[in-house]
Amino acid sequence: MRMAIFAVASLILGGIVGVVLARQEFVNEALPIIGTTGAGAAAGSEQEGPRLSLLTPERFEFGDMDQDAVMRHTFEIRNDGDQPLKVTEMGTSCKCTTAGLDKDHLQPGETAIITMEWNAKGSLSLFEQHAEYKTNDPRRPRFRLIVSGTIRDTLMAEPRELAFNRVSSLVPAEAKLKLYGIRGDKLEIVKHQFTKSQTASFFSVQFRPLSAEEIAKSNFKCGVEITVGLEPGMRLGQLGHILNLVGPLADAATQNEEGTRQENQ
């Protein structure tokens, strides 16, 4: 029994001595405090620099446009950094496309507008052009803005030409086509003329606006049905003729030529 009590007393005494020695060993030491290290404080005080943010998508799909139209679209950017952002235009992919930047130095939090304008004259049915820029943002030193879509004819005739097949010189005949337009809500023909005056008196022309149901079946916005009548009395043989049509289409005057062909028997 005395032996056991002595052993417990020895353990308690040993623990006390250990605590005293530990206090003496670390009395002059400064223990680190979590979250306040020197490295962490330095990182928090570093500047972020300029940061480019695109507030609108980089690609704009404009859908359909006609060959004589000019379109434009605006893109918006912002400097989300803490130092001035510099933006420089590097050029566009085609002379048919221009791009303008309303400011090339953006202070932190400041926005800028980039306006792209393009026309589709002479281009293929599928259209895609871009404008490219460089910046002093090390995360994004360059960016590209793209416009794309489909180019369509301003006017389309269906069928492409009027044909009088195997008609008699003694019996009147007529041929029809539908002329569709992509601009405006109304296609109006204000003037027409046959190019060959010596035979023009044998031809007559009538125009009928297409109904909403007829327009809905096409991918166009307006249209007319053209009926060309051929009076009897022309000499036998083949004859090619051109009918010039002139009319306002939205804000632009548009001229379209359709051919007529006669085969007499």
C-alpha atoms as a PDB file:
ATOM      1  CA  MET A   1       0.000   0.000   0.000  1.00  0.00           C
ATOM      2  CA  ARG A   2       2.776   2.417   0.856  1.00  0.00           C
ATOM      3  CA  MET A   3       4.467   1.476  -2.387  1.00  0.00           C
ATOM      4  CA  ALA A   4       1.447   2.416  -4.471  1.00  0.00           C
ATOM      5  CA  ILE A   5       0.997   5.776  -2.694  1.00  0.00           C
ATOM      6  CA  PHE A   6       4.683   6.553  -3.314  1.00  0.00           C
ATOM      7  CA  ALA A   7       4.320   5.794  -7.031  1.00  0.00           C
ATOM      8  CA  VAL A   8       1.341   8.144  -7.408  1.00  0.00           C
ATOM      9  CA  ALA A   9       3.158  10.899  -5.529  1.00  0.00           C
ATOM     10  CA  SER A  10       6.143  10.468  -7.855  1.00  0.00           C
ATOM     11  CA  LEU A  11       3.948  10.859 -10.930  1.00  0.00           C
ATOM     12  CA  ILE A  12       2.353  14.056  -9.606  1.00  0.00           C
ATOM     13  CA  LEU A  13       5.744  15.476  -8.689  1.00  0.00           C
ATOM     14  CA  GLY A  14       7.123  14.624 -12.134  1.00  0.00           C
ATOM     15  CA  GLY A  15       4.220  16.441 -13.863  1.00  0.00           C
ATOM     16  CA  ILE A  16       4.770  19.568 -11.805  1.00  0.00           C
ATOM     17  CA  VAL A  17       8.497  19.600 -12.578  1.00  0.00           C
ATOM     18  CA  GLY A  18       7.746  19.176 -16.323  1.00  0.00           C
ATOM     19  CA  VAL A  19       5.355  22.143 -16.395  1.00  0.00           C
ATOM     20  CA  VAL A  20       7.875  24.367 -14.622  1.00  0.00           C
ATOM     21  CA  LEU A  21      10.662  23.406 -17.020  1.00  0.00           C
ATOM     22  CA  ALA A  22       8.429  24.032 -20.073  1.00  0.00           C
ATOM     23  CA  ARG A  23       7.530  27.523 -18.818  1.00  0.00           C
ATOM     24  CA  GLN A  24      11.173  28.344 -18.312  1.00  0.00           C
ATOM     25  CA  GLU A  25      12.083  27.080 -21.833  1.00  0.00           C
ATOM     26  CA  PHE A  26       9.468  29.181 -23.686  1.00  0.00           C
ATOM     27  CA  VAL A  27       9.360  32.229 -21.444  1.00  0.00           C
ATOM     28  CA  ASN A  28      11.143  34.383 -24.104  1.00  0.00           C
ATOM     29  CA  GLU A  29       9.458  32.860 -27.223  1.00  0.00           C
ATOM     30  CA  ALA A  30       6.619  34.551 -29.186  1.00  0.00           C
ATOM     31  CA  LEU A  31       4.217  31.984 -30.552  1.00  0.00           C
ATOM     32  CA  PRO A  32       2.666  32.692 -34.006  1.00  0.00           C
ATOM     33  CA  ILE A  33      -0.970  33.802 -34.244  1.00  0.00           C
ATOM     34  CA  ILE A  34      -3.005  32.147 -37.009  1.00  0.00           C
ATOM     35  CA  GLY A  35      -4.123  34.515 -39.819  1.00  0.00           C
ATOM     36  CA  THR A  36      -1.641  37.344 -39.162  1.00  0.00           C
ATOM     37  CA  THR A  37       1.517  36.042 -40.753  1.00  0.00           C
ATOM     38  CA  GLY A  38       3.797  38.484 -42.492  1.00  0.00           C
ATOM     39  CA  ALA A  39       3.357  36.758 -45.881  1.00  0.00           C
ATOM     40  CA  GLY A  40      -0.442  36.963 -45.694  1.00  0.00           C
ATOM     41  CA  ALA A  41      -0.399  40.654 -44.855  1.00  0.00           C
ATOM     42  CA  ALA A  42       1.881  41.411 -47.810  1.00  0.00           C
ATOM     43  CA  ALA A  43      -0.340  39.493 -50.227  1.00  0.00           C
ATOM     44  CA  GLY A  44      -3.431  41.398 -49.113  1.00  0.00           C
ATOM     45  CA  SER A  45      -1.800  44.750 -49.786  1.00  0.00           C
ATOM     46  CA  GLU A  46      -0.726  43.963 -53.390  1.00  0.00           C
ATOM     47  CA  GLN A  47      -2.519  45.808 -56.234  1.00  0.00           C
ATOM     48  CA  GLU A  48      -4.546  43.733 -58.690  1.00  0.00           C
ATOM     49  CA  GLY A  49      -3.793  45.866 -61.760  1.00  0.00           C
ATOM     50  CA  PRO A  50      -6.142  46.477 -64.711  1.00  0.00           C
ATOM     51  CA  ARG A  51      -8.783  43.827 -65.369  1.00  0.00           C
ATOM     52  CA  LEU A  52     -10.869  43.673 -68.555  1.00  0.00           C
ATOM     53  CA  SER A  53     -14.484  42.511 -68.294  1.00  0.00           C
ATOM     54  CA  LEU A  54     -16.829  42.081 -71.266  1.00  0.00           C
ATOM     55  CA  LEU A  55     -20.347  43.116 -70.292  1.00  0.00           C
ATOM     56  CA  THR A  56     -21.832  41.875 -73.587  1.00  0.00           C
ATOM     57  CA  PRO A  57     -21.159  38.599 -75.438  1.00  0.00           C
ATOM     58  CA  GLU A  58     -18.084  38.539 -77.674  1.00  0.00           C
ATOM     59  CA  ARG A  59     -20.175  37.252 -80.619  1.00  0.00           C
ATOM     60  CA  PHE A  60     -23.276  38.936 -82.031  1.00  0.00           C
ATOM     61  CA  GLU A  61     -25.549  36.896 -84.306  1.00  0.00           C
ATOM     62  CA  PHE A  62     -27.550  39.389 -86.362  1.00  0.00           C
ATOM     63  CA  GLY A  63     -29.672  36.805 -88.170  1.00  0.00           C
ATOM     64  CA  ASP A  64     -30.560  37.892 -91.729  1.00  0.00           C
ATOM     65  CA  MET A  65     -29.675  41.072 -93.592  1.00  0.00           C
ATOM     66  CA  ASP A  66     -29.997  42.071 -97.227  1.00  0.00           C
ATOM     67  CA  GLN A  67     -27.073  42.878 -99.478  1.00  0.00           C
ATOM     68  CA  ASP A  68     -27.713  46.626 -99.624  1.00  0.00           C
ATOM     69  CA  ALA A  69     -28.145  47.137 -95.889  1.00  0.00           C
ATOM     70  CA  VAL A  70     -25.750  48.567 -93.301  1.00  0.00           C
ATOM     71  CA  MET A  71     -25.950  47.233 -89.758  1.00  0.00           C
ATOM     72  CA  ARG A  72     -24.300  48.148 -86.469  1.00  0.00           C
ATOM     73  CA  HIS A  73     -24.004  46.695 -82.982  1.00  0.00           C
ATOM     74  CA  THR A  74     -22.501  47.937 -79.716  1.00  0.00           C
ATOM     75  CA  PHE A  75     -20.353  45.961 -77.297  1.00  0.00           C
ATOM     76  CA  GLU A  76     -19.598  47.133 -73.745  1.00  0.00           C
ATOM     77  CA  ILE A  77     -16.445  46.591 -71.677  1.00  0.00           C
ATOM     78  CA  ARG A  78     -15.452  47.579 -68.116  1.00  0.00           C
ATOM     79  CA  ASN A  79     -12.287  47.885 -66.052  1.00  0.00           C
ATOM     80  CA  ASP A  80     -12.831  45.772 -62.929  1.00  0.00           C
ATOM     81  CA  GLY A  81      -9.239  46.206 -61.741  1.00  0.00           C
ATOM     82  CA  ASP A  82      -7.647  48.811 -59.485  1.00  0.00           C
ATOM     83  CA  GLN A  83      -5.344  50.404 -62.074  1.00  0.00           C
ATOM     84  CA  PRO A  84      -6.088  52.125 -65.438  1.00  0.00           C
ATOM     85  CA  LEU A  85      -6.940  49.828 -68.355  1.00  0.00           C
ATOM     86  CA  LYS A  86      -5.618  50.701 -71.828  1.00  0.00           C
ATOM     87  CA  VAL A  87      -7.389  49.303 -74.921  1.00  0.00           C
ATOM     88  CA  THR A  88      -5.965  49.605 -78.443  1.00  0.00           C
ATOM     89  CA  GLU A  89      -7.726  48.625 -81.680  1.00  0.00           C
ATOM     90  CA  MET A  90      -5.637  46.355 -83.909  1.00  0.00           C
ATOM     91  CA  GLY A  91      -7.989  46.393 -86.899  1.00  0.00           C
ATOM     92  CA  THR A  92     -10.883  44.540 -88.503  1.00  0.00           C
ATOM     93  CA  SER A  93     -10.969  41.461 -90.699  1.00  0.00           C
ATOM     94  CA  CYS A  94     -12.491  43.232 -93.726  1.00  0.00           C
ATOM     95  CA  LYS A  95     -12.845  46.694 -95.258  1.00  0.00           C
ATOM     96  CA  CYS A  96     -16.593  46.163 -95.110  1.00  0.00           C
ATOM     97  CA  THR A  97     -16.402  46.333 -91.317  1.00  0.00           C
ATOM     98  CA  THR A  98     -15.439  49.246 -89.073  1.00  0.00           C
ATOM     99  CA  ALA A  99     -15.116  49.475 -85.306  1.00  0.00           C
ATOM    100  CA  GLY A 100     -15.023  52.506 -83.044  1.00  0.00           C
ATOM    101  CA  LEU A 101     -14.032  52.758 -79.371  1.00  0.00           C
ATOM    102  CA  ASP A 102     -15.428  55.741 -77.466  1.00  0.00           C
ATOM    103  CA  LYS A 103     -12.505  55.744 -74.999  1.00  0.00           C
ATOM    104  CA  ASP A 104      -9.220  53.829 -74.871  1.00  0.00           C
ATOM    105  CA  HIS A 105      -8.215  54.540 -71.238  1.00  0.00           C
ATOM    106  CA  LEU A 106     -10.557  53.258 -68.538  1.00  0.00           C
ATOM    107  CA  GLN A 107     -10.170  54.122 -64.879  1.00  0.00           C
ATOM    108  CA  PRO A 108     -11.142  51.452 -62.301  1.00  0.00           C
ATOM    109  CA  GLY A 109     -14.880  50.815 -62.557  1.00  0.00           C
ATOM    110  CA  GLU A 110     -15.225  52.781 -65.804  1.00  0.00           C
ATOM    111  CA  THR A 111     -17.013  51.394 -68.921  1.00  0.00           C
ATOM    112  CA  ALA A 112     -16.516  51.944 -72.652  1.00  0.00           C
ATOM    113  CA  ILE A 113     -18.592  51.278 -75.769  1.00  0.00           C
ATOM    114  CA  ILE A 114     -17.274  49.614 -78.937  1.00  0.00           C
ATOM    115  CA  THR A 115     -19.474  50.099 -82.015  1.00  0.00           C
ATOM    116  CA  MET A 116     -19.080  47.777 -84.995  1.00  0.00           C
ATOM    117  CA  GLU A 117     -20.652  48.661 -88.353  1.00  0.00           C
ATOM    118  CA  TRP A 118     -20.693  46.472 -91.444  1.00  0.00           C
ATOM    119  CA  ASN A 119     -22.204  46.122 -94.913  1.00  0.00           C
ATOM    120  CA  ALA A 120     -22.594  42.994 -96.985  1.00  0.00           C
ATOM    121  CA  LYS A 121     -22.099  44.136-100.563  1.00  0.00           C
ATOM    122  CA  GLY A 122     -20.476  41.442-102.659  1.00  0.00           C
ATOM    123  CA  SER A 123     -20.283  38.962 -99.800  1.00  0.00           C
ATOM    124  CA  LEU A 124     -21.358  35.334 -99.754  1.00  0.00           C
ATOM    125  CA  SER A 125     -24.509  34.101 -98.049  1.00  0.00           C
ATOM    126  CA  LEU A 126     -22.675  33.346 -94.792  1.00  0.00           C
ATOM    127  CA  PHE A 127     -21.132  36.435 -93.204  1.00  0.00           C
ATOM    128  CA  GLU A 128     -18.618  36.595 -90.329  1.00  0.00           C
ATOM    129  CA  GLN A 129     -16.237  39.453 -89.542  1.00  0.00           C
ATOM    130  CA  HIS A 130     -14.384  40.576 -86.446  1.00  0.00           C
ATOM    131  CA  ALA A 131     -12.520  43.424 -84.772  1.00  0.00           C
ATOM    132  CA  GLU A 132      -9.452  42.729 -82.625  1.00  0.00           C
ATOM    133  CA  TYR A 133      -8.037  44.661 -79.661  1.00  0.00           C
ATOM    134  CA  LYS A 134      -5.076  44.502 -77.318  1.00  0.00           C
ATOM    135  CA  THR A 135      -4.975  45.591 -73.661  1.00  0.00           C
ATOM    136  CA  ASN A 136      -2.544  46.043 -70.796  1.00  0.00           C
ATOM    137  CA  ASP A 137      -4.437  43.437 -68.741  1.00  0.00           C
ATOM    138  CA  PRO A 138      -1.877  40.611 -68.302  1.00  0.00           C
ATOM    139  CA  ARG A 139      -4.708  38.094 -67.882  1.00  0.00           C
ATOM    140  CA  ARG A 140      -6.239  39.039 -71.231  1.00  0.00           C
ATOM    141  CA  PRO A 141      -3.787  40.877 -73.467  1.00  0.00           C
ATOM    142  CA  ARG A 142      -6.036  40.458 -76.535  1.00  0.00           C
ATOM    143  CA  PHE A 143      -9.711  39.998 -77.283  1.00  0.00           C
ATOM    144  CA  ARG A 144     -11.864  39.683 -80.417  1.00  0.00           C
ATOM    145  CA  LEU A 145     -15.422  40.822 -81.117  1.00  0.00           C
ATOM    146  CA  ILE A 146     -17.350  38.952 -83.833  1.00  0.00           C
ATOM    147  CA  VAL A 147     -20.484  39.625 -85.884  1.00  0.00           C
ATOM    148  CA  SER A 148     -22.024  36.893 -88.005  1.00  0.00           C
ATOM    149  CA  GLY A 149     -25.203  36.054 -89.871  1.00  0.00           C
ATOM    150  CA  THR A 150     -26.717  35.339 -93.264  1.00  0.00           C
ATOM    151  CA  ILE A 151     -26.804  37.666 -96.275  1.00  0.00           C
ATOM    152  CA  ARG A 152     -29.897  37.516 -98.423  1.00  0.00           C
ATOM    153  CA  ASP A 153     -30.944  39.089-101.713  1.00  0.00           C
ATOM    154  CA  THR A 154     -32.810  42.362-101.323  1.00  0.00           C
ATOM    155  CA  LEU A 155     -35.295  41.134-103.914  1.00  0.00           C
ATOM    156  CA  MET A 156     -36.009  37.608-105.085  1.00  0.00           C
ATOM    157  CA  ALA A 157     -38.187  36.547-107.997  1.00  0.00           C
ATOM    158  CA  GLU A 158     -39.898  33.176-108.094  1.00  0.00           C
ATOM    159  CA  PRO A 159     -39.450  31.880-110.746  1.00  0.00           C
ATOM    160  CA  ARG A 160     -36.307  33.698-111.800  1.00  0.00           C
ATOM    161  CA  GLU A 161     -37.660  34.644-115.226  1.00  0.00           C
ATOM    162  CA  LEU A 162     -40.939  34.793-117.069  1.00  0.00           C
ATOM    163  CA  ALA A 163     -41.266  32.332-119.920  1.00  0.00           C
ATOM    164  CA  PHE A 164     -43.931  32.115-122.604  1.00  0.00           C
ATOM    165  CA  ASN A 165     -43.590  28.592-123.907  1.00  0.00           C
ATOM    166  CA  ARG A 166     -45.077  27.435-127.221  1.00  0.00           C
ATOM    167  CA  VAL A 167     -47.596  30.249-127.583  1.00  0.00           C
ATOM    168  CA  SER A 168     -49.505  31.119-130.751  1.00  0.00           C
ATOM    169  CA  SER A 169     -49.096  34.429-132.535  1.00  0.00           C
ATOM    170  CA  LEU A 170     -52.898  34.497-132.847  1.00  0.00           C
ATOM    171  CA  VAL A 171     -53.842  33.890-129.182  1.00  0.00           C
ATOM    172  CA  PRO A 172     -53.047  36.080-126.142  1.00  0.00           C
ATOM    173  CA  ALA A 173     -50.988  34.571-123.334  1.00  0.00           C
ATOM    174  CA  GLU A 174     -49.766  35.503-119.892  1.00  0.00           C
ATOM    175  CA  ALA A 175     -47.070  34.503-117.421  1.00  0.00           C
ATOM    176  CA  LYS A 176     -46.732  35.194-113.698  1.00  0.00           C
ATOM    177  CA  LEU A 177     -44.040  35.449-111.073  1.00  0.00           C
ATOM    178  CA  LYS A 178     -43.852  36.528-107.455  1.00  0.00           C
ATOM    179  CA  LEU A 179     -41.353  39.185-106.425  1.00  0.00           C
ATOM    180  CA  TYR A 180     -40.376  39.157-102.735  1.00  0.00           C
ATOM    181  CA  GLY A 181     -38.612  41.848-100.715  1.00  0.00           C
ATOM    182  CA  ILE A 182     -36.762  41.786 -97.407  1.00  0.00           C
ATOM    183  CA  ARG A 183     -37.152  45.445 -96.413  1.00  0.00           C
ATOM    184  CA  GLY A 184     -40.268  47.116 -95.110  1.00  0.00           C
ATOM    185  CA  ASP A 185     -43.833  45.882 -94.971  1.00  0.00           C
ATOM    186  CA  LYS A 186     -44.825  46.814 -98.524  1.00  0.00           C
ATOM    187  CA  LEU A 187     -43.222  46.283-101.914  1.00  0.00           C
ATOM    188  CA  GLU A 188     -44.521  48.903-104.313  1.00  0.00           C
ATOM    189  CA  ILE A 189     -43.618  49.162-107.994  1.00  0.00           C
ATOM    190  CA  VAL A 190     -43.809  52.803-109.041  1.00  0.00           C
ATOM    191  CA  LYS A 191     -42.403  52.450-112.557  1.00  0.00           C
ATOM    192  CA  HIS A 192     -41.923  49.734-115.150  1.00  0.00           C
ATOM    193  CA  GLN A 193     -40.542  49.777-118.661  1.00  0.00           C
ATOM    194  CA  PHE A 194     -39.875  47.279-121.432  1.00  0.00           C
ATOM    195  CA  THR A 195     -36.430  47.888-122.889  1.00  0.00           C
ATOM    196  CA  LYS A 196     -37.319  47.217-126.559  1.00  0.00           C
ATOM    197  CA  SER A 197     -39.691  49.920-127.683  1.00  0.00           C
ATOM    198  CA  GLN A 198     -40.474  48.296-131.052  1.00  0.00           C
ATOM    199  CA  THR A 199     -42.254  45.361-129.377  1.00  0.00           C
ATOM    200  CA  ALA A 200     -43.233  46.906-126.032  1.00  0.00           C
ATOM    201  CA  SER A 201     -46.791  47.540-127.213  1.00  0.00           C
ATOM    202  CA  PHE A 202     -47.435  43.786-127.322  1.00  0.00           C
ATOM    203  CA  PHE A 203     -46.849  43.450-123.551  1.00  0.00           C
ATOM    204  CA  SER A 204     -48.930  44.529-120.564  1.00  0.00           C
ATOM    205  CA  VAL A 205     -48.134  44.329-116.828  1.00  0.00           C
ATOM    206  CA  GLN A 206     -50.308  44.023-113.740  1.00  0.00           C
ATOM    207  CA  PHE A 207     -49.222  44.035-110.095  1.00  0.00           C
ATOM    208  CA  ARG A 208     -51.018  42.482-107.124  1.00  0.00           C
ATOM    209  CA  PRO A 209     -49.753  42.813-103.541  1.00  0.00           C
ATOM    210  CA  LEU A 210     -49.235  39.428-101.952  1.00  0.00           C
ATOM    211  CA  SER A 211     -51.491  38.564 -99.028  1.00  0.00           C
ATOM    212  CA  ALA A 212     -50.243  38.076 -95.488  1.00  0.00           C
ATOM    213  CA  GLU A 213     -50.730  34.321 -95.901  1.00  0.00           C
ATOM    214  CA  GLU A 214     -48.607  34.263 -99.069  1.00  0.00           C
ATOM    215  CA  ILE A 215     -45.862  36.302 -97.390  1.00  0.00           C
ATOM    216  CA  ALA A 216     -45.899  34.023 -94.344  1.00  0.00           C
ATOM    217  CA  LYS A 217     -44.931  31.073 -96.539  1.00  0.00           C
ATOM    218  CA  SER A 218     -41.683  32.808 -97.512  1.00  0.00           C
ATOM    219  CA  ASN A 219     -38.777  34.177 -95.491  1.00  0.00           C
ATOM    220  CA  PHE A 220     -39.421  37.685 -96.773  1.00  0.00           C
ATOM    221  CA  LYS A 221     -41.397  40.650 -95.459  1.00  0.00           C
ATOM    222  CA  CYS A 222     -43.305  41.863 -98.502  1.00  0.00           C
ATOM    223  CA  GLY A 223     -44.036  41.007-102.108  1.00  0.00           C
ATOM    224  CA  VAL A 224     -46.111  41.416-105.249  1.00  0.00           C
ATOM    225  CA  GLU A 225     -47.370  39.104-107.954  1.00  0.00           C
ATOM    226  CA  ILE A 226     -46.442  40.282-111.447  1.00  0.00           C
ATOM    227  CA  THR A 227     -48.556  39.235-114.409  1.00  0.00           C
ATOM    228  CA  VAL A 228     -47.183  39.952-117.872  1.00  0.00           C
ATOM    229  CA  GLY A 229     -49.629  39.658-120.744  1.00  0.00           C
ATOM    230  CA  LEU A 230     -48.624  38.996-124.354  1.00  0.00           C
ATOM    231  CA  GLU A 231     -50.967  40.219-127.062  1.00  0.00           C
ATOM    232  CA  PRO A 232     -51.311  38.368-130.409  1.00  0.00           C
ATOM    233  CA  GLY A 233     -49.773  39.671-133.578  1.00  0.00           C
ATOM    234  CA  MET A 234     -46.040  39.268-132.971  1.00  0.00           C
ATOM    235  CA  ARG A 235     -43.952  37.670-135.667  1.00  0.00           C
ATOM    236  CA  LEU A 236     -42.843  34.073-135.340  1.00  0.00           C
ATOM    237  CA  GLY A 237     -39.538  33.201-133.673  1.00  0.00           C
ATOM    238  CA  GLN A 238     -37.799  33.640-130.379  1.00  0.00           C
ATOM    239  CA  LEU A 239     -37.691  36.967-128.627  1.00  0.00           C
ATOM    240  CA  GLY A 240     -35.890  37.999-125.459  1.00  0.00           C
ATOM    241  CA  HIS A 241     -37.161  41.026-123.591  1.00  0.00           C
ATOM    242  CA  ILE A 242     -36.192  42.855-120.405  1.00  0.00           C
ATOM    243  CA  LEU A 243     -38.697  44.416-118.029  1.00  0.00           C
ATOM    244  CA  ASN A 244     -37.238  47.048-115.695  1.00  0.00           C
ATOM    245  CA  LEU A 245     -39.012  47.503-112.384  1.00  0.00           C
ATOM    246  CA  VAL A 246     -38.368  50.463-110.114  1.00  0.00           C
ATOM    247  CA  GLY A 247     -39.833  50.989-106.696  1.00  0.00           C
ATOM    248  CA  PRO A 248     -39.093  52.345-103.200  1.00  0.00           C
ATOM    249  CA  LEU A 249     -38.176  49.613-100.758  1.00  0.00           C
ATOM    250  CA  ALA A 250     -38.121  50.942 -97.210  1.00  0.00           C
ATOM    251  CA  ASP A 251     -35.870  54.018 -97.399  1.00  0.00           C
ATOM    252  CA  ALA A 252     -33.980  53.018-100.537  1.00  0.00           C
ATOM    253  CA  ALA A 253     -34.905  53.015-104.210  1.00  0.00           C
ATOM    254  CA  THR A 254     -34.406  49.557-105.660  1.00  0.00           C
ATOM    255  CA  GLN A 255     -34.245  48.527-109.272  1.00  0.00           C
ATOM    256  CA  ASN A 256     -34.730  44.979-110.362  1.00  0.00           C
ATOM    257  CA  GLU A 257     -34.590  43.456-113.830  1.00  0.00           C
ATOM    258  CA  GLU A 258     -36.570  40.392-114.838  1.00  0.00           C
ATOM    259  CA  GLY A 259     -36.285  38.743-118.218  1.00  0.00           C
ATOM    260  CA  THR A 260     -39.146  37.585-120.428  1.00  0.00           C
ATOM    261  CA  ARG A 261     -38.788  35.136-123.274  1.00  0.00           C
ATOM    262  CA  GLN A 262     -41.269  34.407-126.058  1.00  0.00           C
ATOM    263  CA  GLU A 263     -41.388  31.348-128.276  1.00  0.00           C
ATOM    264  CA  ASN A 264     -43.896  31.773-131.101  1.00  0.00           C
ATOM    265  CA  GLN A 265     -45.339  29.077-133.275  1.00  0.00           C
END
